[in-house]
C-alpha cells in the first residue's frame, strides 16, 4: 500500500495545508479517505482530478467532507461527463448532508453511490477494510486498511477509546490525530493530544506513528511531537501535504 497525504490540517485549513484527505493505493486502485476543505486542489496536484476509485468519509464534520461537495461539479459537469456514480462509504446521513451543502439542485446520488458504514469488516477494491465507532461527538469511524499482509490504521477524529486501540493493534503504520496540546484543560471526548497519540501507538505496538490533524493557529507542532515521542519510542513523523509513505 502507498499512503499520500493530500491534506492534514485540523478543524479548518491551515496556512500550509488543506483539511483531512488521504489517498491510499494498492494494485492500481485508489481509495480517498476523507475529503476535507481545500483538498480538491491537492488531489489535482499530487494525484489527478479523477484519481479516486472510491471514497470513504469517516464522519460528517465539514473539515472531513466539504470538498466532496465541490467534487460534484467535477463528476457531473465535466466536458466528457457526466461520470458514473462513484462509490462513497460514509455514515448514513451523508447523502442528505452532501446534498444540502451542495444547494437546491436536488440529490447528489447521480454522482455518488452511497454505502452506509457500520462497525465491521468489508472489502473496498483490493483492501480489507475494518471500521469501528470512535470517541467523537458525531458518528465517527476509525479505519483499518489491510492489503497483502500489511496494515494501515487511521484514527479519524477521536479521544482515547478502546475501539481505536483495537483498530491500531500491530498496525504497520498508524495515522493518528493529535489536535490538542498536552498540559492544558482540553474538552473531553473530542480529540487526542500528542502524548495520547503516542500512548495509543505504544499500547497497540504499531510500527510507525504519523501525526496529523494538528491545528496550526493555536497549536505547537514541536510541543506535540515532543509529547508523542515521550510516550512512543518508534519512528514518528508529522505529516505534510504531498508526503507519501509505503506501508
C-alpha atoms as a PDB file:
ATOM      1  CA  UNK A   1       0.000   0.000   0.000  1.00  0.00           C
ATOM      2  CA  UNK A   2       1.027   3.581  -0.526  1.00  0.00           C
ATOM      3  CA  UNK A   3      -0.348   6.484   1.504  1.00  0.00           C
ATOM      4  CA  UNK A   4      -0.271  10.022   0.090  1.00  0.00           C
ATOM      5  CA  UNK A   5      -1.277  12.920   2.312  1.00  0.00           C
ATOM      6  CA  UNK A   6      -3.437  15.455   0.469  1.00  0.00           C
ATOM      7  CA  UNK A   7      -4.495  17.472   3.492  1.00  0.00           C
ATOM      8  CA  UNK A   8      -3.818  17.215   7.212  1.00  0.00           C
ATOM      9  CA  UNK A   9      -4.914  20.449   8.912  1.00  0.00           C
ATOM     10  CA  UNK A  10      -7.215  20.044  11.869  1.00  0.00           C
ATOM     11  CA  UNK A  11     -10.663  21.664  12.021  1.00  0.00           C
ATOM     12  CA  UNK A  12     -10.064  24.255   9.276  1.00  0.00           C
ATOM     13  CA  UNK A  13      -7.459  24.729   6.522  1.00  0.00           C
ATOM     14  CA  UNK A  14      -4.125  25.975   7.807  1.00  0.00           C
ATOM     15  CA  UNK A  15      -1.629  28.311   6.146  1.00  0.00           C
ATOM     16  CA  UNK A  16       0.212  25.343   4.610  1.00  0.00           C
ATOM     17  CA  UNK A  17      -2.383  22.584   4.367  1.00  0.00           C
ATOM     18  CA  UNK A  18      -5.959  21.793   3.432  1.00  0.00           C
ATOM     19  CA  UNK A  19      -8.068  19.749   5.805  1.00  0.00           C
ATOM     20  CA  UNK A  20      -8.011  15.962   6.113  1.00  0.00           C
ATOM     21  CA  UNK A  21      -7.722  13.884   2.948  1.00  0.00           C
ATOM     22  CA  UNK A  22      -5.574  10.789   2.405  1.00  0.00           C
ATOM     23  CA  UNK A  23      -5.140   8.727  -0.750  1.00  0.00           C
ATOM     24  CA  UNK A  24      -4.322   5.038  -0.254  1.00  0.00           C
ATOM     25  CA  UNK A  25      -3.256   2.994  -3.281  1.00  0.00           C
ATOM     26  CA  UNK A  26      -2.813  -0.716  -3.932  1.00  0.00           C
ATOM     27  CA  UNK A  27      -2.934  -2.782  -7.118  1.00  0.00           C
ATOM     28  CA  UNK A  28      -3.800   0.308  -9.160  1.00  0.00           C
ATOM     29  CA  UNK A  29      -6.853   1.099  -7.006  1.00  0.00           C
ATOM     30  CA  UNK A  30      -7.064   4.459  -5.240  1.00  0.00           C
ATOM     31  CA  UNK A  31      -9.191   4.945  -2.138  1.00  0.00           C
ATOM     32  CA  UNK A  32      -9.663   8.511  -0.906  1.00  0.00           C
ATOM     33  CA  UNK A  33     -10.160   8.568   2.854  1.00  0.00           C
ATOM     34  CA  UNK A  34     -11.871  11.840   3.834  1.00  0.00           C
ATOM     35  CA  UNK A  35     -12.186  14.823   1.507  1.00  0.00           C
ATOM     36  CA  UNK A  36     -11.833  17.919   3.682  1.00  0.00           C
ATOM     37  CA  UNK A  37     -11.892  21.615   2.880  1.00  0.00           C
ATOM     38  CA  UNK A  38      -9.343  22.605   0.237  1.00  0.00           C
ATOM     39  CA  UNK A  39      -8.133  19.102  -0.519  1.00  0.00           C
ATOM     40  CA  UNK A  40      -9.531  19.028  -4.060  1.00  0.00           C
ATOM     41  CA  UNK A  41      -6.634  21.292  -5.008  1.00  0.00           C
ATOM     42  CA  UNK A  42      -4.133  18.827  -3.535  1.00  0.00           C
ATOM     43  CA  UNK A  43      -5.862  15.918  -5.243  1.00  0.00           C
ATOM     44  CA  UNK A  44      -5.128  17.547  -8.596  1.00  0.00           C
ATOM     45  CA  UNK A  45      -1.565  18.417  -7.622  1.00  0.00           C
ATOM     46  CA  UNK A  46      -0.473  15.090  -6.171  1.00  0.00           C
ATOM     47  CA  UNK A  47      -2.694  12.508  -7.869  1.00  0.00           C
ATOM     48  CA  UNK A  48      -5.091  13.731 -10.551  1.00  0.00           C
ATOM     49  CA  UNK A  49      -8.595  15.139 -10.749  1.00  0.00           C
ATOM     50  CA  UNK A  50     -10.188  11.754 -11.434  1.00  0.00           C
ATOM     51  CA  UNK A  51      -7.827   9.654  -9.315  1.00  0.00           C
ATOM     52  CA  UNK A  52     -10.246   8.222  -6.715  1.00  0.00           C
ATOM     53  CA  UNK A  53     -11.907   4.883  -7.441  1.00  0.00           C
ATOM     54  CA  UNK A  54     -13.873   5.127  -4.194  1.00  0.00           C
ATOM     55  CA  UNK A  55     -14.234   7.477  -1.228  1.00  0.00           C
ATOM     56  CA  UNK A  56     -14.539   6.708   2.474  1.00  0.00           C
ATOM     57  CA  UNK A  57     -15.784   9.535   4.717  1.00  0.00           C
ATOM     58  CA  UNK A  58     -15.106   8.813   8.370  1.00  0.00           C
ATOM     59  CA  UNK A  59     -17.617  11.339   9.701  1.00  0.00           C
ATOM     60  CA  UNK A  60     -19.658  14.305   8.568  1.00  0.00           C
ATOM     61  CA  UNK A  61     -17.838  17.273  10.068  1.00  0.00           C
ATOM     62  CA  UNK A  62     -17.024  19.892   7.448  1.00  0.00           C
ATOM     63  CA  UNK A  63     -13.250  19.538   7.701  1.00  0.00           C
ATOM     64  CA  UNK A  64     -13.568  15.932   6.532  1.00  0.00           C
ATOM     65  CA  UNK A  65     -16.233  16.147   3.800  1.00  0.00           C
ATOM     66  CA  UNK A  66     -16.697  19.568   2.204  1.00  0.00           C
ATOM     67  CA  UNK A  67     -14.670  19.020  -0.952  1.00  0.00           C
ATOM     68  CA  UNK A  68     -16.851  16.010  -1.706  1.00  0.00           C
ATOM     69  CA  UNK A  69     -19.499  18.683  -2.276  1.00  0.00           C
ATOM     70  CA  UNK A  70     -17.296  20.670  -4.645  1.00  0.00           C
ATOM     71  CA  UNK A  71     -16.343  17.437  -6.419  1.00  0.00           C
ATOM     72  CA  UNK A  72     -19.954  17.057  -7.595  1.00  0.00           C
ATOM     73  CA  UNK A  73     -19.228  19.676 -10.270  1.00  0.00           C
ATOM     74  CA  UNK A  74     -16.215  17.691 -11.494  1.00  0.00           C
ATOM     75  CA  UNK A  75     -18.180  14.470 -11.878  1.00  0.00           C
ATOM     76  CA  UNK A  76     -21.480  15.911 -13.130  1.00  0.00           C
ATOM     77  CA  UNK A  77     -20.447  18.768 -15.419  1.00  0.00           C
ATOM     78  CA  UNK A  78     -17.082  17.792 -16.915  1.00  0.00           C
ATOM     79  CA  UNK A  79     -16.954  18.253 -20.705  1.00  0.00           C
ATOM     80  CA  UNK A  80     -16.578  14.487 -21.089  1.00  0.00           C
ATOM     81  CA  UNK A  81     -19.057  13.758 -18.285  1.00  0.00           C
ATOM     82  CA  UNK A  82     -21.194  13.018 -16.507  1.00  0.00           C
ATOM     83  CA  UNK A  83     -19.104  10.294 -14.920  1.00  0.00           C
ATOM     84  CA  UNK A  84     -20.522   7.083 -13.437  1.00  0.00           C
ATOM     85  CA  UNK A  85     -21.572   7.251  -9.796  1.00  0.00           C
ATOM     86  CA  UNK A  86     -18.555   6.938  -7.517  1.00  0.00           C
ATOM     87  CA  UNK A  87     -18.813   4.598  -4.505  1.00  0.00           C
ATOM     88  CA  UNK A  88     -18.867   6.519  -1.210  1.00  0.00           C
ATOM     89  CA  UNK A  89     -18.707   4.721   2.131  1.00  0.00           C
ATOM     90  CA  UNK A  90     -19.890   7.079   4.870  1.00  0.00           C
ATOM     91  CA  UNK A  91     -22.181   7.485   7.865  1.00  0.00           C
ATOM     92  CA  UNK A  92     -25.836   7.055   6.983  1.00  0.00           C
ATOM     93  CA  UNK A  93     -26.557  10.797   6.930  1.00  0.00           C
ATOM     94  CA  UNK A  94     -24.082  11.500   4.142  1.00  0.00           C
ATOM     95  CA  UNK A  95     -26.499  11.687   1.187  1.00  0.00           C
ATOM     96  CA  UNK A  96     -28.645  14.329   2.890  1.00  0.00           C
ATOM     97  CA  UNK A  97     -25.665  16.240   4.291  1.00  0.00           C
ATOM     98  CA  UNK A  98     -23.813  16.493   0.972  1.00  0.00           C
ATOM     99  CA  UNK A  99     -26.994  17.299  -0.952  1.00  0.00           C
ATOM    100  CA  UNK A 100     -27.912  20.063   1.484  1.00  0.00           C
ATOM    101  CA  UNK A 101     -24.425  21.552   1.296  1.00  0.00           C
ATOM    102  CA  UNK A 102     -24.465  21.472  -2.495  1.00  0.00           C
ATOM    103  CA  UNK A 103     -27.644  23.542  -2.719  1.00  0.00           C
ATOM    104  CA  UNK A 104     -31.125  23.499  -4.167  1.00  0.00           C
ATOM    105  CA  UNK A 105     -30.478  21.240  -7.143  1.00  0.00           C
ATOM    106  CA  UNK A 106     -31.719  18.034  -5.548  1.00  0.00           C
ATOM    107  CA  UNK A 107     -29.820  14.907  -4.645  1.00  0.00           C
ATOM    108  CA  UNK A 108     -26.151  14.166  -5.332  1.00  0.00           C
ATOM    109  CA  UNK A 109     -26.926  10.470  -5.768  1.00  0.00           C
ATOM    110  CA  UNK A 110     -26.377  10.731  -9.503  1.00  0.00           C
ATOM    111  CA  UNK A 111     -22.729  11.479  -8.658  1.00  0.00           C
ATOM    112  CA  UNK A 112     -22.208   9.176  -5.662  1.00  0.00           C
ATOM    113  CA  UNK A 113     -23.406   5.684  -4.837  1.00  0.00           C
ATOM    114  CA  UNK A 114     -23.638   5.646  -1.051  1.00  0.00           C
ATOM    115  CA  UNK A 115     -22.947   2.742   1.286  1.00  0.00           C
ATOM    116  CA  UNK A 116     -23.723   3.332   4.976  1.00  0.00           C
ATOM    117  CA  UNK A 117     -20.900   2.498   7.351  1.00  0.00           C
ATOM    118  CA  UNK A 118     -21.398   0.335  10.405  1.00  0.00           C
ATOM    119  CA  UNK A 119     -18.838  -1.415  12.603  1.00  0.00           C
ATOM    120  CA  UNK A 120     -17.342  -4.420  10.855  1.00  0.00           C
ATOM    121  CA  UNK A 121     -15.091  -5.648   8.057  1.00  0.00           C
ATOM    122  CA  UNK A 122     -15.768  -5.435   4.319  1.00  0.00           C
ATOM    123  CA  UNK A 123     -13.865  -5.082   1.015  1.00  0.00           C
ATOM    124  CA  UNK A 124     -13.247  -1.923  -0.969  1.00  0.00           C
ATOM    125  CA  UNK A 125     -11.314  -2.738  -4.133  1.00  0.00           C
ATOM    126  CA  UNK A 126      -8.223  -4.719  -3.072  1.00  0.00           C
ATOM    127  CA  UNK A 127      -8.422  -3.538   0.552  1.00  0.00           C
ATOM    128  CA  UNK A 128      -9.849  -5.345   3.529  1.00  0.00           C
ATOM    129  CA  UNK A 129     -11.454  -2.523   5.495  1.00  0.00           C
ATOM    130  CA  UNK A 130     -12.402  -2.608   9.170  1.00  0.00           C
ATOM    131  CA  UNK A 131     -14.223   0.311  10.766  1.00  0.00           C
ATOM    132  CA  UNK A 132     -15.436   0.937  14.301  1.00  0.00           C
ATOM    133  CA  UNK A 133     -17.083   3.813  16.162  1.00  0.00           C
ATOM    134  CA  UNK A 134     -14.599   6.023  17.961  1.00  0.00           C
ATOM    135  CA  UNK A 135     -14.928   8.689  20.645  1.00  0.00           C
ATOM    136  CA  UNK A 136     -16.177  11.857  18.923  1.00  0.00           C
ATOM    137  CA  UNK A 137     -19.434  13.826  19.323  1.00  0.00           C
ATOM    138  CA  UNK A 138     -20.911  12.655  15.999  1.00  0.00           C
ATOM    139  CA  UNK A 139     -20.987   9.217  14.363  1.00  0.00           C
ATOM    140  CA  UNK A 140     -17.310   8.726  13.562  1.00  0.00           C
ATOM    141  CA  UNK A 141     -15.342   5.715  12.383  1.00  0.00           C
ATOM    142  CA  UNK A 142     -11.718   4.838  12.843  1.00  0.00           C
ATOM    143  CA  UNK A 143     -10.389   2.826   9.911  1.00  0.00           C
ATOM    144  CA  UNK A 144      -8.008  -0.093   9.427  1.00  0.00           C
ATOM    145  CA  UNK A 145      -6.925  -0.956   5.880  1.00  0.00           C
ATOM    146  CA  UNK A 146      -5.177  -4.250   5.151  1.00  0.00           C
ATOM    147  CA  UNK A 147      -3.599  -5.497   1.946  1.00  0.00           C
ATOM    148  CA  UNK A 148      -1.021  -8.169   1.169  1.00  0.00           C
ATOM    149  CA  UNK A 149      -0.137  -8.714   4.807  1.00  0.00           C
ATOM    150  CA  UNK A 150       0.344  -5.016   5.627  1.00  0.00           C
ATOM    151  CA  UNK A 151      -1.911  -2.732   7.666  1.00  0.00           C
ATOM    152  CA  UNK A 152      -2.642   0.978   7.990  1.00  0.00           C
ATOM    153  CA  UNK A 153      -4.804   2.399  10.778  1.00  0.00           C
ATOM    154  CA  UNK A 154      -6.337   5.890  10.626  1.00  0.00           C
ATOM    155  CA  UNK A 155      -7.793   7.307  13.812  1.00  0.00           C
ATOM    156  CA  UNK A 156     -10.093   9.861  12.198  1.00  0.00           C
ATOM    157  CA  UNK A 157     -11.130  12.338  14.924  1.00  0.00           C
ATOM    158  CA  UNK A 158     -11.343  10.796  18.376  1.00  0.00           C
ATOM    159  CA  UNK A 159     -10.442  10.980  22.003  1.00  0.00           C
ATOM    160  CA  UNK A 160      -8.891   7.913  23.603  1.00  0.00           C
ATOM    161  CA  UNK A 161     -11.050   4.794  23.380  1.00  0.00           C
ATOM    162  CA  UNK A 162     -10.830   1.007  23.263  1.00  0.00           C
ATOM    163  CA  UNK A 163     -12.092   0.884  19.661  1.00  0.00           C
ATOM    164  CA  UNK A 164      -9.101   2.886  18.436  1.00  0.00           C
ATOM    165  CA  UNK A 165      -6.715   0.628  20.339  1.00  0.00           C
ATOM    166  CA  UNK A 166      -8.270  -2.444  18.702  1.00  0.00           C
ATOM    167  CA  UNK A 167      -8.110  -0.940  15.214  1.00  0.00           C
ATOM    168  CA  UNK A 168      -4.464   0.075  15.649  1.00  0.00           C
ATOM    169  CA  UNK A 169      -3.265  -3.211  17.130  1.00  0.00           C
ATOM    170  CA  UNK A 170       0.047  -4.194  15.468  1.00  0.00           C
ATOM    171  CA  UNK A 171      -0.582  -1.850  12.528  1.00  0.00           C
ATOM    172  CA  UNK A 172       2.467  -1.214  10.368  1.00  0.00           C
ATOM    173  CA  UNK A 173       1.530   2.480  10.109  1.00  0.00           C
ATOM    174  CA  UNK A 174      -0.725   4.421  12.480  1.00  0.00           C
ATOM    175  CA  UNK A 175      -2.021   7.727  11.077  1.00  0.00           C
ATOM    176  CA  UNK A 176      -3.276   9.401  14.218  1.00  0.00           C
ATOM    177  CA  UNK A 177      -4.787  12.751  15.028  1.00  0.00           C
ATOM    178  CA  UNK A 178      -3.126  14.930  17.670  1.00  0.00           C
ATOM    179  CA  UNK A 179      -5.242  18.061  17.757  1.00  0.00           C
ATOM    180  CA  UNK A 180      -4.794  19.143  21.352  1.00  0.00           C
ATOM    181  CA  UNK A 181      -1.795  20.284  23.345  1.00  0.00           C
ATOM    182  CA  UNK A 182      -0.766  18.412  26.463  1.00  0.00           C
ATOM    183  CA  UNK A 183      -0.782  20.258  29.760  1.00  0.00           C
ATOM    184  CA  UNK A 184      -3.876  22.375  29.138  1.00  0.00           C
ATOM    185  CA  UNK A 185      -7.541  21.905  30.028  1.00  0.00           C
ATOM    186  CA  UNK A 186      -8.927  20.343  26.838  1.00  0.00           C
ATOM    187  CA  UNK A 187     -12.602  19.475  26.292  1.00  0.00           C
ATOM    188  CA  UNK A 188     -13.296  15.788  26.986  1.00  0.00           C
ATOM    189  CA  UNK A 189     -14.279  13.132  24.432  1.00  0.00           C
ATOM    190  CA  UNK A 190     -13.284  15.080  21.350  1.00  0.00           C
ATOM    191  CA  UNK A 191      -9.612  14.841  20.296  1.00  0.00           C
ATOM    192  CA  UNK A 192      -6.225  13.408  21.243  1.00  0.00           C
ATOM    193  CA  UNK A 193      -3.069  15.119  22.427  1.00  0.00           C
ATOM    194  CA  UNK A 194       0.392  14.186  21.209  1.00  0.00           C
ATOM    195  CA  UNK A 195       1.015  12.210  24.379  1.00  0.00           C
ATOM    196  CA  UNK A 196      -2.255  10.312  23.995  1.00  0.00           C
ATOM    197  CA  UNK A 197      -1.448   9.503  20.373  1.00  0.00           C
ATOM    198  CA  UNK A 198       1.949   8.204  21.487  1.00  0.00           C
ATOM    199  CA  UNK A 199       0.437   6.173  24.304  1.00  0.00           C
ATOM    200  CA  UNK A 200      -2.047   4.563  21.942  1.00  0.00           C
ATOM    201  CA  UNK A 201       0.749   3.748  19.486  1.00  0.00           C
ATOM    202  CA  UNK A 202       2.774   2.113  22.260  1.00  0.00           C
ATOM    203  CA  UNK A 203      -0.150   0.102  23.649  1.00  0.00           C
ATOM    204  CA  UNK A 204      -1.067  -1.057  20.140  1.00  0.00           C
ATOM    205  CA  UNK A 205       2.563  -1.917  19.271  1.00  0.00           C
ATOM    206  CA  UNK A 206       2.404  -0.115  15.924  1.00  0.00           C
ATOM    207  CA  UNK A 207       5.395   0.053  13.614  1.00  0.00           C
ATOM    208  CA  UNK A 208       5.301   3.759  12.802  1.00  0.00           C
ATOM    209  CA  UNK A 209       3.332   6.752  14.065  1.00  0.00           C
ATOM    210  CA  UNK A 210       2.232   9.540  11.715  1.00  0.00           C
ATOM    211  CA  UNK A 211       0.752  12.559  13.469  1.00  0.00           C
ATOM    212  CA  UNK A 212      -1.985  14.503  11.710  1.00  0.00           C
ATOM    213  CA  UNK A 213      -4.889  16.927  12.279  1.00  0.00           C
ATOM    214  CA  UNK A 214      -2.773  19.471  14.153  1.00  0.00           C
ATOM    215  CA  UNK A 215      -4.333  22.936  14.390  1.00  0.00           C
ATOM    216  CA  UNK A 216      -1.631  25.404  13.384  1.00  0.00           C
ATOM    217  CA  UNK A 217      -3.471  28.502  14.630  1.00  0.00           C
ATOM    218  CA  UNK A 218      -3.384  27.547  18.306  1.00  0.00           C
ATOM    219  CA  UNK A 219      -1.121  24.513  18.476  1.00  0.00           C
ATOM    220  CA  UNK A 220       2.588  23.826  18.563  1.00  0.00           C
ATOM    221  CA  UNK A 221       3.991  21.179  16.262  1.00  0.00           C
ATOM    222  CA  UNK A 222       7.214  20.991  18.274  1.00  0.00           C
ATOM    223  CA  UNK A 223       5.306  20.529  21.531  1.00  0.00           C
ATOM    224  CA  UNK A 224       3.043  17.873  20.020  1.00  0.00           C
ATOM    225  CA  UNK A 225       5.949  15.954  18.540  1.00  0.00           C
ATOM    226  CA  UNK A 226       7.896  16.098  21.811  1.00  0.00           C
ATOM    227  CA  UNK A 227       4.888  14.858  23.770  1.00  0.00           C
ATOM    228  CA  UNK A 228       4.279  11.976  21.373  1.00  0.00           C
ATOM    229  CA  UNK A 229       7.953  10.969  21.393  1.00  0.00           C
ATOM    230  CA  UNK A 230       7.935  10.844  25.196  1.00  0.00           C
ATOM    231  CA  UNK A 231       5.227   8.165  25.037  1.00  0.00           C
ATOM    232  CA  UNK A 232       6.289   6.232  21.906  1.00  0.00           C
ATOM    233  CA  UNK A 233       9.867   5.281  21.035  1.00  0.00           C
ATOM    234  CA  UNK A 234       9.279   4.141  17.456  1.00  0.00           C
ATOM    235  CA  UNK A 235       9.596   6.291  14.333  1.00  0.00           C
ATOM    236  CA  UNK A 236       7.341   9.374  14.297  1.00  0.00           C
ATOM    237  CA  UNK A 237       6.573  11.951  11.618  1.00  0.00           C
ATOM    238  CA  UNK A 238       4.273  14.948  11.472  1.00  0.00           C
ATOM    239  CA  UNK A 239       2.679  14.596   8.050  1.00  0.00           C
ATOM    240  CA  UNK A 240       2.664  17.236   5.305  1.00  0.00           C
ATOM    241  CA  UNK A 241       0.602  17.618   2.114  1.00  0.00           C
ATOM    242  CA  UNK A 242       2.300  15.716  -0.685  1.00  0.00           C
ATOM    243  CA  UNK A 243       4.162  13.345   1.646  1.00  0.00           C
ATOM    244  CA  UNK A 244       3.953   9.684   0.672  1.00  0.00           C
ATOM    245  CA  UNK A 245       4.597   6.598   2.764  1.00  0.00           C
ATOM    246  CA  UNK A 246       4.973   2.989   1.737  1.00  0.00           C
ATOM    247  CA  UNK A 247       3.096   0.682   4.069  1.00  0.00           C
END
